[in-house]
PDB file of N, CA and C in Angstrom:
ATOM      1  N   PRO A   1      -9.239  17.727  -4.146  1.00  0.00           N
ATOM      2  CA  PRO A   1      -8.881  16.688  -3.215  1.00  0.00           C
ATOM      3  C   PRO A   1      -7.442  16.816  -2.716  1.00  0.00           C
ATOM      4  N   GLU A   2      -7.162  16.211  -1.589  1.00  0.00           N
ATOM      5  CA  GLU A   2      -5.832  16.276  -0.984  1.00  0.00           C
ATOM      6  C   GLU A   2      -4.816  15.539  -1.927  1.00  0.00           C
ATOM      7  N   LEU A   3      -3.571  16.001  -1.783  1.00  0.00           N
ATOM      8  CA  LEU A   3      -2.582  15.443  -2.626  1.00  0.00           C
ATOM      9  C   LEU A   3      -2.177  14.037  -2.330  1.00  0.00           C
ATOM     10  N   GLY A   4      -2.208  13.612  -1.044  1.00  0.00           N
ATOM     11  CA  GLY A   4      -1.846  12.299  -0.636  1.00  0.00           C
ATOM     12  C   GLY A   4      -0.326  12.049  -0.737  1.00  0.00           C
ATOM     13  N   LEU A   5       0.419  12.897  -0.064  1.00  0.00           N
ATOM     14  CA  LEU A   5       1.894  12.713  -0.043  1.00  0.00           C
ATOM     15  C   LEU A   5       2.246  12.397   1.379  1.00  0.00           C
ATOM     16  N   TRP A   6       3.104  11.347   1.520  1.00  0.00           N
ATOM     17  CA  TRP A   6       3.522  10.889   2.852  1.00  0.00           C
ATOM     18  C   TRP A   6       5.062  10.709   2.814  1.00  0.00           C
ATOM     19  N   LEU A   7       5.651  10.921   3.986  1.00  0.00           N
ATOM     20  CA  LEU A   7       7.109  10.669   4.109  1.00  0.00           C
ATOM     21  C   LEU A   7       7.310   9.638   5.214  1.00  0.00           C
ATOM     22  N   GLU A   8       7.894   8.509   4.858  1.00  0.00           N
ATOM     23  CA  GLU A   8       8.133   7.414   5.737  1.00  0.00           C
ATOM     24  C   GLU A   8       9.554   6.926   5.612  1.00  0.00           C
ATOM     25  N   THR A   9      10.179   6.567   6.735  1.00  0.00           N
ATOM     26  CA  THR A   9      11.465   5.918   6.700  1.00  0.00           C
ATOM     27  C   THR A   9      11.239   4.414   6.872  1.00  0.00           C
ATOM     28  N   VAL A  10      11.767   3.606   5.990  1.00  0.00           N
ATOM     29  CA  VAL A  10      11.546   2.196   6.027  1.00  0.00           C
ATOM     30  C   VAL A  10      12.872   1.441   6.123  1.00  0.00           C
ATOM     31  N   ASN A  11      12.898   0.389   6.943  1.00  0.00           N
ATOM     32  CA  ASN A  11      14.057  -0.473   7.005  1.00  0.00           C
ATOM     33  C   ASN A  11      13.636  -1.930   7.105  1.00  0.00           C
ATOM     34  N   ASP A  12      14.573  -2.805   7.312  1.00  0.00           N
ATOM     35  CA  ASP A  12      14.264  -4.275   7.341  1.00  0.00           C
ATOM     36  C   ASP A  12      13.393  -4.675   8.497  1.00  0.00           C
ATOM     37  N   LYS A  13      13.207  -3.789   9.462  1.00  0.00           N
ATOM     38  CA  LYS A  13      12.360  -4.096  10.625  1.00  0.00           C
ATOM     39  C   LYS A  13      10.948  -3.434  10.535  1.00  0.00           C
ATOM     40  N   SER A  14      10.712  -2.678   9.449  1.00  0.00           N
ATOM     41  CA  SER A  14       9.437  -1.974   9.301  1.00  0.00           C
ATOM     42  C   SER A  14       8.362  -2.991   9.016  1.00  0.00           C
ATOM     43  N   GLY A  15       7.198  -2.671   9.602  1.00  0.00           N
ATOM     44  CA  GLY A  15       6.029  -3.501   9.332  1.00  0.00           C
ATOM     45  C   GLY A  15       5.248  -2.843   8.170  1.00  0.00           C
ATOM     46  N   PRO A  16       3.976  -3.245   8.036  1.00  0.00           N
ATOM     47  CA  PRO A  16       3.187  -2.693   6.920  1.00  0.00           C
ATOM     48  C   PRO A  16       2.996  -1.171   7.112  1.00  0.00           C
ATOM     49  N   LEU A  17       3.060  -0.454   6.053  1.00  0.00           N
ATOM     50  CA  LEU A  17       2.788   0.988   6.058  1.00  0.00           C
ATOM     51  C   LEU A  17       1.370   1.176   5.586  1.00  0.00           C
ATOM     52  N   ILE A  18       0.582   1.957   6.312  1.00  0.00           N
ATOM     53  CA  ILE A  18      -0.831   2.149   5.952  1.00  0.00           C
ATOM     54  C   ILE A  18      -1.041   3.608   5.613  1.00  0.00           C
ATOM     55  N   PHE A  19      -1.608   3.850   4.443  1.00  0.00           N
ATOM     56  CA  PHE A  19      -1.953   5.184   4.024  1.00  0.00           C
ATOM     57  C   PHE A  19      -3.384   5.230   3.610  1.00  0.00           C
ATOM     58  N   ARG A  20      -4.045   6.299   3.996  1.00  0.00           N
ATOM     59  CA  ARG A  20      -5.439   6.476   3.599  1.00  0.00           C
ATOM     60  C   ARG A  20      -5.543   7.594   2.595  1.00  0.00           C
ATOM     61  N   LYS A  21      -6.407   7.380   1.553  1.00  0.00           N
ATOM     62  CA  LYS A  21      -6.569   8.364   0.533  1.00  0.00           C
ATOM     63  C   LYS A  21      -7.923   8.221  -0.054  1.00  0.00           C
ATOM     64  N   THR A  22      -8.637   9.261  -0.181  1.00  0.00           N
ATOM     65  CA  THR A  22      -9.911   9.256  -0.876  1.00  0.00           C
ATOM     66  C   THR A  22      -9.567   9.320  -2.393  1.00  0.00           C
ATOM     67  N   MET A  23     -10.117   8.360  -3.155  1.00  0.00           N
ATOM     68  CA  MET A  23      -9.821   8.303  -4.559  1.00  0.00           C
ATOM     69  C   MET A  23     -11.130   8.369  -5.379  1.00  0.00           C
ATOM     70  N   PHE A  24     -11.011   8.672  -6.623  1.00  0.00           N
ATOM     71  CA  PHE A  24     -12.124   8.815  -7.510  1.00  0.00           C
ATOM     72  C   PHE A  24     -11.878   7.927  -8.702  1.00  0.00           C
ATOM     73  N   ASN A  25     -12.843   7.777  -9.601  1.00  0.00           N
ATOM     74  CA  ASN A  25     -12.650   6.975 -10.821  1.00  0.00           C
ATOM     75  C   ASN A  25     -11.408   7.404 -11.574  1.00  0.00           C
ATOM     76  N   SER A  26     -10.721   6.397 -12.077  1.00  0.00           N
ATOM     77  CA  SER A  26      -9.507   6.582 -12.892  1.00  0.00           C
ATOM     78  C   SER A  26      -8.364   7.175 -12.111  1.00  0.00           C
ATOM     79  N   THR A  27      -8.308   7.005 -10.812  1.00  0.00           N
ATOM     80  CA  THR A  27      -7.208   7.427 -10.019  1.00  0.00           C
ATOM     81  C   THR A  27      -5.964   6.565 -10.219  1.00  0.00           C
ATOM     82  N   ASP A  28      -4.815   7.176 -10.387  1.00  0.00           N
ATOM     83  CA  ASP A  28      -3.531   6.482 -10.531  1.00  0.00           C
ATOM     84  C   ASP A  28      -2.824   6.540  -9.119  1.00  0.00           C
ATOM     85  N   ILE A  29      -2.315   5.407  -8.682  1.00  0.00           N
ATOM     86  CA  ILE A  29      -1.540   5.328  -7.490  1.00  0.00           C
ATOM     87  C   ILE A  29      -0.112   5.083  -7.804  1.00  0.00           C
ATOM     88  N   LYS A  30       0.757   5.903  -7.344  1.00  0.00           N
ATOM     89  CA  LYS A  30       2.215   5.731  -7.641  1.00  0.00           C
ATOM     90  C   LYS A  30       3.001   5.799  -6.376  1.00  0.00           C
ATOM     91  N   LEU A  31       4.002   4.986  -6.260  1.00  0.00           N
ATOM     92  CA  LEU A  31       4.942   5.016  -5.144  1.00  0.00           C
ATOM     93  C   LEU A  31       6.292   5.574  -5.653  1.00  0.00           C
ATOM     94  N   SER A  32       6.679   6.647  -5.090  1.00  0.00           N
ATOM     95  CA  SER A  32       7.969   7.247  -5.427  1.00  0.00           C
ATOM     96  C   SER A  32       8.855   7.183  -4.181  1.00  0.00           C
ATOM     97  N   VAL A  33      10.169   7.043  -4.454  1.00  0.00           N
ATOM     98  CA  VAL A  33      11.113   6.965  -3.347  1.00  0.00           C
ATOM     99  C   VAL A  33      12.110   8.096  -3.525  1.00  0.00           C
ATOM    100  N   LYS A  34      12.247   8.836  -2.443  1.00  0.00           N
ATOM    101  CA  LYS A  34      13.147   9.999  -2.436  1.00  0.00           C
ATOM    102  C   LYS A  34      14.624   9.554  -2.504  1.00  0.00           C
ATOM    103  N   SER A  35      14.992   8.562  -1.652  1.00  0.00           N
ATOM    104  CA  SER A  35      16.299   8.028  -1.731  1.00  0.00           C
ATOM    105  C   SER A  35      16.362   6.680  -1.195  1.00  0.00           C
ATOM    106  N   PHE A  36      17.282   5.833  -1.785  1.00  0.00           N
ATOM    107  CA  PHE A  36      17.442   4.455  -1.370  1.00  0.00           C
ATOM    108  C   PHE A  36      18.841   4.342  -0.775  1.00  0.00           C
ATOM    109  N   HIS A  37      18.980   3.648   0.341  1.00  0.00           N
ATOM    110  CA  HIS A  37      20.273   3.310   0.909  1.00  0.00           C
ATOM    111  C   HIS A  37      20.196   1.878   1.341  1.00  0.00           C
ATOM    112  N   CYS A  38      20.660   0.989   0.472  1.00  0.00           N
ATOM    113  CA  CYS A  38      20.678  -0.464   0.843  1.00  0.00           C
ATOM    114  C   CYS A  38      22.124  -0.865   1.070  1.00  0.00           C
ATOM    115  N   SER A  39      22.366  -1.578   2.157  1.00  0.00           N
ATOM    116  CA  SER A  39      23.704  -2.050   2.455  1.00  0.00           C
ATOM    117  C   SER A  39      24.210  -3.148   1.546  1.00  0.00           C
ATOM    118  N   GLY A  40      23.256  -3.807   0.936  1.00  0.00           N
ATOM    119  CA  GLY A  40      23.645  -4.927  -0.008  1.00  0.00           C
ATOM    120  C   GLY A  40      22.482  -5.202  -0.876  1.00  0.00           C
ATOM    121  N   PRO A  41      22.597  -6.275  -1.702  1.00  0.00           N
ATOM    122  CA  PRO A  41      21.423  -6.632  -2.561  1.00  0.00           C
ATOM    123  C   PRO A  41      20.228  -6.946  -1.725  1.00  0.00           C
ATOM    124  N   VAL A  42      19.123  -6.267  -2.032  1.00  0.00           N
ATOM    125  CA  VAL A  42      17.840  -6.543  -1.264  1.00  0.00           C
ATOM    126  C   VAL A  42      16.714  -6.620  -2.298  1.00  0.00           C
ATOM    127  N   LYS A  43      15.876  -7.601  -2.060  1.00  0.00           N
ATOM    128  CA  LYS A  43      14.637  -7.699  -2.863  1.00  0.00           C
ATOM    129  C   LYS A  43      13.502  -7.401  -1.969  1.00  0.00           C
ATOM    130  N   PHE A  44      12.492  -6.726  -2.465  1.00  0.00           N
ATOM    131  CA  PHE A  44      11.335  -6.448  -1.612  1.00  0.00           C
ATOM    132  C   PHE A  44      10.018  -6.497  -2.454  1.00  0.00           C
ATOM    133  N   THR A  45       8.923  -6.456  -1.721  1.00  0.00           N
ATOM    134  CA  THR A  45       7.647  -6.592  -2.355  1.00  0.00           C
ATOM    135  C   THR A  45       6.717  -5.443  -1.991  1.00  0.00           C
ATOM    136  N   ILE A  46       5.947  -4.909  -2.959  1.00  0.00           N
ATOM    137  CA  ILE A  46       4.953  -3.853  -2.698  1.00  0.00           C
ATOM    138  C   ILE A  46       3.625  -4.474  -2.884  1.00  0.00           C
ATOM    139  N   VAL A  47       2.765  -4.420  -1.810  1.00  0.00           N
ATOM    140  CA  VAL A  47       1.418  -4.937  -1.978  1.00  0.00           C
ATOM    141  C   VAL A  47       0.453  -3.744  -1.787  1.00  0.00           C
ATOM    142  N   TRP A  48      -0.505  -3.616  -2.657  1.00  0.00           N
ATOM    143  CA  TRP A  48      -1.542  -2.579  -2.560  1.00  0.00           C
ATOM    144  C   TRP A  48      -2.803  -3.279  -2.147  1.00  0.00           C
ATOM    145  N   HIS A  49      -3.483  -2.723  -1.136  1.00  0.00           N
ATOM    146  CA  HIS A  49      -4.830  -3.200  -0.800  1.00  0.00           C
ATOM    147  C   HIS A  49      -5.791  -2.005  -0.975  1.00  0.00           C
ATOM    148  N   LEU A  50      -6.789  -2.165  -1.710  1.00  0.00           N
ATOM    149  CA  LEU A  50      -7.793  -1.141  -1.892  1.00  0.00           C
ATOM    150  C   LEU A  50      -9.137  -1.622  -1.311  1.00  0.00           C
ATOM    151  N   LYS A  51      -9.675  -0.803  -0.472  1.00  0.00           N
ATOM    152  CA  LYS A  51     -10.981  -1.176   0.150  1.00  0.00           C
ATOM    153  C   LYS A  51     -11.962  -0.076  -0.261  1.00  0.00           C
ATOM    154  N   TYR A  52     -13.012  -0.464  -0.891  1.00  0.00           N
ATOM    155  CA  TYR A  52     -14.064   0.488  -1.388  1.00  0.00           C
ATOM    156  C   TYR A  52     -15.103   0.736  -0.284  1.00  0.00           C
ATOM    157  N   HIS A  53     -15.417   1.945  -0.082  1.00  0.00           N
ATOM    158  CA  HIS A  53     -16.489   2.344   0.842  1.00  0.00           C
ATOM    159  C   HIS A  53     -17.452   3.305   0.072  1.00  0.00           C
ATOM    160  N   THR A  54     -18.726   3.157   0.245  1.00  0.00           N
ATOM    161  CA  THR A  54     -19.697   4.046  -0.394  1.00  0.00           C
ATOM    162  C   THR A  54     -19.681   5.491   0.081  1.00  0.00           C
ATOM    163  N   CYS A  55     -19.335   5.601   1.356  1.00  0.00           N
ATOM    164  CA  CYS A  55     -19.246   7.007   1.925  1.00  0.00           C
ATOM    165  C   CYS A  55     -17.822   7.375   2.119  1.00  0.00           C
ATOM    166  N   HIS A  56     -17.508   8.661   1.879  1.00  0.00           N
ATOM    167  CA  HIS A  56     -16.048   9.050   1.967  1.00  0.00           C
ATOM    168  C   HIS A  56     -15.498   9.009   3.371  1.00  0.00           C
ATOM    169  N   ASN A  57     -16.298   9.043   4.348  1.00  0.00           N
ATOM    170  CA  ASN A  57     -15.774   9.078   5.712  1.00  0.00           C
ATOM    171  C   ASN A  57     -15.977   7.725   6.405  1.00  0.00           C
ATOM    172  N   GLU A  58     -16.363   6.728   5.687  1.00  0.00           N
ATOM    173  CA  GLU A  58     -16.557   5.388   6.228  1.00  0.00           C
ATOM    174  C   GLU A  58     -15.242   4.591   5.953  1.00  0.00           C
ATOM    175  N   HIS A  59     -14.515   4.334   6.968  1.00  0.00           N
ATOM    176  CA  HIS A  59     -13.252   3.494   6.781  1.00  0.00           C
ATOM    177  C   HIS A  59     -12.994   2.677   8.012  1.00  0.00           C
ATOM    178  N   SER A  60     -12.234   1.702   7.874  1.00  0.00           N
ATOM    179  CA  SER A  60     -11.851   0.828   9.004  1.00  0.00           C
ATOM    180  C   SER A  60     -10.668   1.374   9.679  1.00  0.00           C
ATOM    181  N   ASN A  61     -10.483   1.073  10.972  1.00  0.00           N
ATOM    182  CA  ASN A  61      -9.286   1.425  11.687  1.00  0.00           C
ATOM    183  C   ASN A  61      -8.264   0.369  11.383  1.00  0.00           C
ATOM    184  N   LEU A  62      -7.557   0.567  10.277  1.00  0.00           N
ATOM    185  CA  LEU A  62      -6.612  -0.491   9.808  1.00  0.00           C
ATOM    186  C   LEU A  62      -5.475  -0.855  10.751  1.00  0.00           C
ATOM    187  N   GLU A  63      -4.943   0.152  11.400  1.00  0.00           N
ATOM    188  CA  GLU A  63      -3.871  -0.126  12.370  1.00  0.00           C
ATOM    189  C   GLU A  63      -4.380  -1.062  13.484  1.00  0.00           C
ATOM    190  N   GLU A  64      -5.562  -0.737  13.991  1.00  0.00           N
ATOM    191  CA  GLU A  64      -6.145  -1.550  15.040  1.00  0.00           C
ATOM    192  C   GLU A  64      -6.428  -2.990  14.535  1.00  0.00           C
ATOM    193  N   LEU A  65      -6.934  -3.084  13.331  1.00  0.00           N
ATOM    194  CA  LEU A  65      -7.214  -4.436  12.756  1.00  0.00           C
ATOM    195  C   LEU A  65      -5.959  -5.239  12.682  1.00  0.00           C
ATOM    196  N   PHE A  66      -4.839  -4.670  12.188  1.00  0.00           N
ATOM    197  CA  PHE A  66      -3.621  -5.387  12.061  1.00  0.00           C
ATOM    198  C   PHE A  66      -3.107  -5.836  13.450  1.00  0.00           C
ATOM    199  N   GLN A  67      -3.241  -5.011  14.430  1.00  0.00           N
ATOM    200  CA  GLN A  67      -2.735  -5.377  15.768  1.00  0.00           C
ATOM    201  C   GLN A  67      -3.682  -6.349  16.452  1.00  0.00           C
ATOM    202  N   LYS A  68      -4.970  -6.008  16.524  1.00  0.00           N
ATOM    203  CA  LYS A  68      -5.913  -6.769  17.274  1.00  0.00           C
ATOM    204  C   LYS A  68      -6.139  -8.174  16.699  1.00  0.00           C
ATOM    205  N   HIS A  69      -6.221  -8.250  15.366  1.00  0.00           N
ATOM    206  CA  HIS A  69      -6.486  -9.562  14.773  1.00  0.00           C
ATOM    207  C   HIS A  69      -5.263 -10.254  14.195  1.00  0.00           C
ATOM    208  N   LYS A  70      -4.059  -9.579  14.446  1.00  0.00           N
ATOM    209  CA  LYS A  70      -2.754 -10.177  13.978  1.00  0.00           C
ATOM    210  C   LYS A  70      -2.872 -10.504  12.489  1.00  0.00           C
ATOM    211  N   LEU A  71      -3.429  -9.541  11.744  1.00  0.00           N
ATOM    212  CA  LEU A  71      -3.572  -9.777  10.266  1.00  0.00           C
ATOM    213  C   LEU A  71      -2.236  -9.772   9.585  1.00  0.00           C
ATOM    214  N   SER A  72      -2.036 -10.678   8.698  1.00  0.00           N
ATOM    215  CA  SER A  72      -0.885 -10.580   7.827  1.00  0.00           C
ATOM    216  C   SER A  72      -1.283  -9.857   6.554  1.00  0.00           C
ATOM    217  N   VAL A  73      -0.355  -9.465   5.760  1.00  0.00           N
ATOM    218  CA  VAL A  73      -0.651  -8.780   4.570  1.00  0.00           C
ATOM    219  C   VAL A  73      -1.602  -9.628   3.645  1.00  0.00           C
ATOM    220  N   GLU A  74      -1.433 -10.956   3.668  1.00  0.00           N
ATOM    221  CA  GLU A  74      -2.217 -11.834   2.822  1.00  0.00           C
ATOM    222  C   GLU A  74      -3.612 -11.929   3.335  1.00  0.00           C
ATOM    223  N   ASP A  75      -3.850 -11.672   4.666  1.00  0.00           N
ATOM    224  CA  ASP A  75      -5.191 -11.838   5.270  1.00  0.00           C
ATOM    225  C   ASP A  75      -6.074 -10.588   5.099  1.00  0.00           C
ATOM    226  N   PHE A  76      -5.581  -9.502   4.627  1.00  0.00           N
ATOM    227  CA  PHE A  76      -6.296  -8.259   4.636  1.00  0.00           C
ATOM    228  C   PHE A  76      -7.664  -8.298   4.028  1.00  0.00           C
ATOM    229  N   CYS A  77      -7.721  -8.633   2.713  1.00  0.00           N
ATOM    230  CA  CYS A  77      -8.988  -8.654   2.020  1.00  0.00           C
ATOM    231  C   CYS A  77      -9.820  -9.881   2.533  1.00  0.00           C
ATOM    232  N   HIS A  78      -9.149 -10.901   2.884  1.00  0.00           N
ATOM    233  CA  HIS A  78      -9.879 -12.077   3.397  1.00  0.00           C
ATOM    234  C   HIS A  78     -10.673 -11.726   4.666  1.00  0.00           C
ATOM    235  N   TYR A  79     -10.083 -10.837   5.483  1.00  0.00           N
ATOM    236  CA  TYR A  79     -10.771 -10.371   6.705  1.00  0.00           C
ATOM    237  C   TYR A  79     -12.143  -9.691   6.348  1.00  0.00           C
ATOM    238  N   PHE A  80     -12.137  -8.937   5.266  1.00  0.00           N
ATOM    239  CA  PHE A  80     -13.310  -8.292   4.772  1.00  0.00           C
ATOM    240  C   PHE A  80     -14.225  -9.189   3.900  1.00  0.00           C
ATOM    241  N   LYS A  81     -13.880 -10.433   3.836  1.00  0.00           N
ATOM    242  CA  LYS A  81     -14.583 -11.453   3.078  1.00  0.00           C
ATOM    243  C   LYS A  81     -14.536 -11.076   1.603  1.00  0.00           C
ATOM    244  N   ASN A  82     -13.441 -10.453   1.174  1.00  0.00           N
ATOM    245  CA  ASN A  82     -13.198 -10.000  -0.185  1.00  0.00           C
ATOM    246  C   ASN A  82     -14.261  -9.045  -0.697  1.00  0.00           C
ATOM    247  N   ASP A  83     -15.117  -8.483   0.194  1.00  0.00           N
ATOM    248  CA  ASP A  83     -16.201  -7.605  -0.179  1.00  0.00           C
ATOM    249  C   ASP A  83     -15.633  -6.215  -0.508  1.00  0.00           C
ATOM    250  N   ASN A  84     -15.702  -5.865  -1.788  1.00  0.00           N
ATOM    251  CA  ASN A  84     -15.166  -4.569  -2.198  1.00  0.00           C
ATOM    252  C   ASN A  84     -13.710  -4.308  -1.744  1.00  0.00           C
ATOM    253  N   CYS A  85     -12.893  -5.311  -1.839  1.00  0.00           N
ATOM    254  CA  CYS A  85     -11.517  -5.234  -1.423  1.00  0.00           C
ATOM    255  C   CYS A  85     -10.705  -5.927  -2.509  1.00  0.00           C
ATOM    256  N   TRP A  86      -9.621  -5.259  -2.944  1.00  0.00           N
ATOM    257  CA  TRP A  86      -8.778  -5.770  -3.951  1.00  0.00           C
ATOM    258  C   TRP A  86      -7.278  -5.643  -3.532  1.00  0.00           C
ATOM    259  N   THR A  87      -6.534  -6.664  -4.034  1.00  0.00           N
ATOM    260  CA  THR A  87      -5.108  -6.698  -3.723  1.00  0.00           C
ATOM    261  C   THR A  87      -4.321  -6.859  -4.960  1.00  0.00           C
ATOM    262  N   THR A  88      -3.223  -6.184  -5.104  1.00  0.00           N
ATOM    263  CA  THR A  88      -2.209  -6.396  -6.154  1.00  0.00           C
ATOM    264  C   THR A  88      -0.862  -6.434  -5.573  1.00  0.00           C
ATOM    265  N   LYS A  89       0.030  -7.180  -6.176  1.00  0.00           N
ATOM    266  CA  LYS A  89       1.380  -7.360  -5.525  1.00  0.00           C
ATOM    267  C   LYS A  89       2.468  -7.275  -6.671  1.00  0.00           C
ATOM    268  N   ASN A  90       3.519  -6.555  -6.313  1.00  0.00           N
ATOM    269  CA  ASN A  90       4.740  -6.518  -7.196  1.00  0.00           C
ATOM    270  C   ASN A  90       5.870  -7.040  -6.324  1.00  0.00           C
ATOM    271  N   GLU A  91       6.385  -8.171  -6.805  1.00  0.00           N
ATOM    272  CA  GLU A  91       7.380  -8.905  -6.061  1.00  0.00           C
ATOM    273  C   GLU A  91       8.801  -8.842  -6.659  1.00  0.00           C
ATOM    274  N   ASN A  92       9.784  -9.175  -5.842  1.00  0.00           N
ATOM    275  CA  ASN A  92      11.195  -9.216  -6.327  1.00  0.00           C
ATOM    276  C   ASN A  92      11.666  -7.952  -6.937  1.00  0.00           C
ATOM    277  N   LEU A  93      11.320  -6.817  -6.334  1.00  0.00           N
ATOM    278  CA  LEU A  93      11.795  -5.531  -6.766  1.00  0.00           C
ATOM    279  C   LEU A  93      13.183  -5.314  -6.110  1.00  0.00           C
ATOM    280  N   ASP A  94      14.115  -4.731  -6.890  1.00  0.00           N
ATOM    281  CA  ASP A  94      15.456  -4.518  -6.394  1.00  0.00           C
ATOM    282  C   ASP A  94      15.586  -3.181  -5.697  1.00  0.00           C
ATOM    283  N   CYS A  95      16.278  -3.193  -4.544  1.00  0.00           N
ATOM    284  CA  CYS A  95      16.617  -1.960  -3.854  1.00  0.00           C
ATOM    285  C   CYS A  95      17.957  -1.471  -4.407  1.00  0.00           C
ATOM    286  N   ASN A  96      17.899  -0.362  -5.117  1.00  0.00           N
ATOM    287  CA  ASN A  96      19.175   0.225  -5.526  1.00  0.00           C
ATOM    288  C   ASN A  96      18.983   1.755  -5.664  1.00  0.00           C
ATOM    289  N   SER A  97      20.104   2.473  -5.647  1.00  0.00           N
ATOM    290  CA  SER A  97      20.082   3.905  -5.556  1.00  0.00           C
ATOM    291  C   SER A  97      19.490   4.546  -6.860  1.00  0.00           C
ATOM    292  N   ASP A  98      19.387   3.789  -7.949  1.00  0.00           N
ATOM    293  CA  ASP A  98      18.827   4.318  -9.175  1.00  0.00           C
ATOM    294  C   ASP A  98      17.315   4.262  -9.178  1.00  0.00           C
ATOM    295  N   SER A  99      16.687   3.489  -8.301  1.00  0.00           N
ATOM    296  CA  SER A  99      15.207   3.331  -8.307  1.00  0.00           C
ATOM    297  C   SER A  99      14.653   4.547  -7.679  1.00  0.00           C
ATOM    298  N   GLN A 100      13.583   5.046  -8.377  1.00  0.00           N
ATOM    299  CA  GLN A 100      12.807   6.136  -7.844  1.00  0.00           C
ATOM    300  C   GLN A 100      11.353   6.031  -7.914  1.00  0.00           C
ATOM    301  N   VAL A 101      10.904   5.385  -8.978  1.00  0.00           N
ATOM    302  CA  VAL A 101       9.439   5.229  -9.197  1.00  0.00           C
ATOM    303  C   VAL A 101       9.242   3.683  -9.420  1.00  0.00           C
ATOM    304  N   PHE A 102       8.259   3.172  -8.804  1.00  0.00           N
ATOM    305  CA  PHE A 102       7.899   1.714  -8.907  1.00  0.00           C
ATOM    306  C   PHE A 102       6.686   1.573  -9.801  1.00  0.00           C
ATOM    307  N   PRO A 103       6.349   0.294 -10.126  1.00  0.00           N
ATOM    308  CA  PRO A 103       5.172   0.059 -10.948  1.00  0.00           C
ATOM    309  C   PRO A 103       3.965   0.689 -10.284  1.00  0.00           C
ATOM    310  N   SER A 104       3.180   1.432 -11.108  1.00  0.00           N
ATOM    311  CA  SER A 104       1.995   2.112 -10.575  1.00  0.00           C
ATOM    312  C   SER A 104       0.799   1.176 -10.598  1.00  0.00           C
ATOM    313  N   LEU A 105      -0.131   1.446  -9.786  1.00  0.00           N
ATOM    314  CA  LEU A 105      -1.352   0.757  -9.707  1.00  0.00           C
ATOM    315  C   LEU A 105      -2.431   1.571 -10.427  1.00  0.00           C
ATOM    316  N   ASN A 106      -2.896   1.072 -11.494  1.00  0.00           N
ATOM    317  CA  ASN A 106      -3.946   1.780 -12.240  1.00  0.00           C
ATOM    318  C   ASN A 106      -5.242   0.891 -11.985  1.00  0.00           C
ATOM    319  N   PHE A 107      -6.189   1.530 -11.337  1.00  0.00           N
ATOM    320  CA  PHE A 107      -7.334   0.761 -10.919  1.00  0.00           C
ATOM    321  C   PHE A 107      -8.577   1.664 -11.219  1.00  0.00           C
ATOM    322  N   LEU A 108      -9.564   1.040 -11.768  1.00  0.00           N
ATOM    323  CA  LEU A 108     -10.840   1.752 -12.122  1.00  0.00           C
ATOM    324  C   LEU A 108     -11.950   1.186 -11.287  1.00  0.00           C
ATOM    325  N   PHE A 109     -12.535   2.040 -10.472  1.00  0.00           N
ATOM    326  CA  PHE A 109     -13.700   1.634  -9.709  1.00  0.00           C
ATOM    327  C   PHE A 109     -14.915   1.832 -10.603  1.00  0.00           C
ATOM    328  N   LEU A 110     -15.772   0.783 -10.669  1.00  0.00           N
ATOM    329  CA  LEU A 110     -16.957   0.877 -11.473  1.00  0.00           C
ATOM    330  C   LEU A 110     -18.160   1.188 -10.611  1.00  0.00           C
TER     331      LEU A 110
END
């Protein structure tokens, strides 16, 4: 399977970042940051949305959904009627130059 590595620049005006990845049972999801540059104390939130599809090439056009339906992060799984969709959130994380790896999402699809 593909490694699933992405490079994104994020600032205070960035919207949701959407990454697609085919995953299998017992997949670990980790967010690593190459470098942090915060001008002052900043708290941020990481929200993971996982949407299960039975076929590997069946997926929603997430960018279009966010724009067309003006979905907020909280509305994502609600839009899919919570059908095979899961959300987890890590809040009040500190932005500092010592941070490199954030809480991982360990999720088991049954």
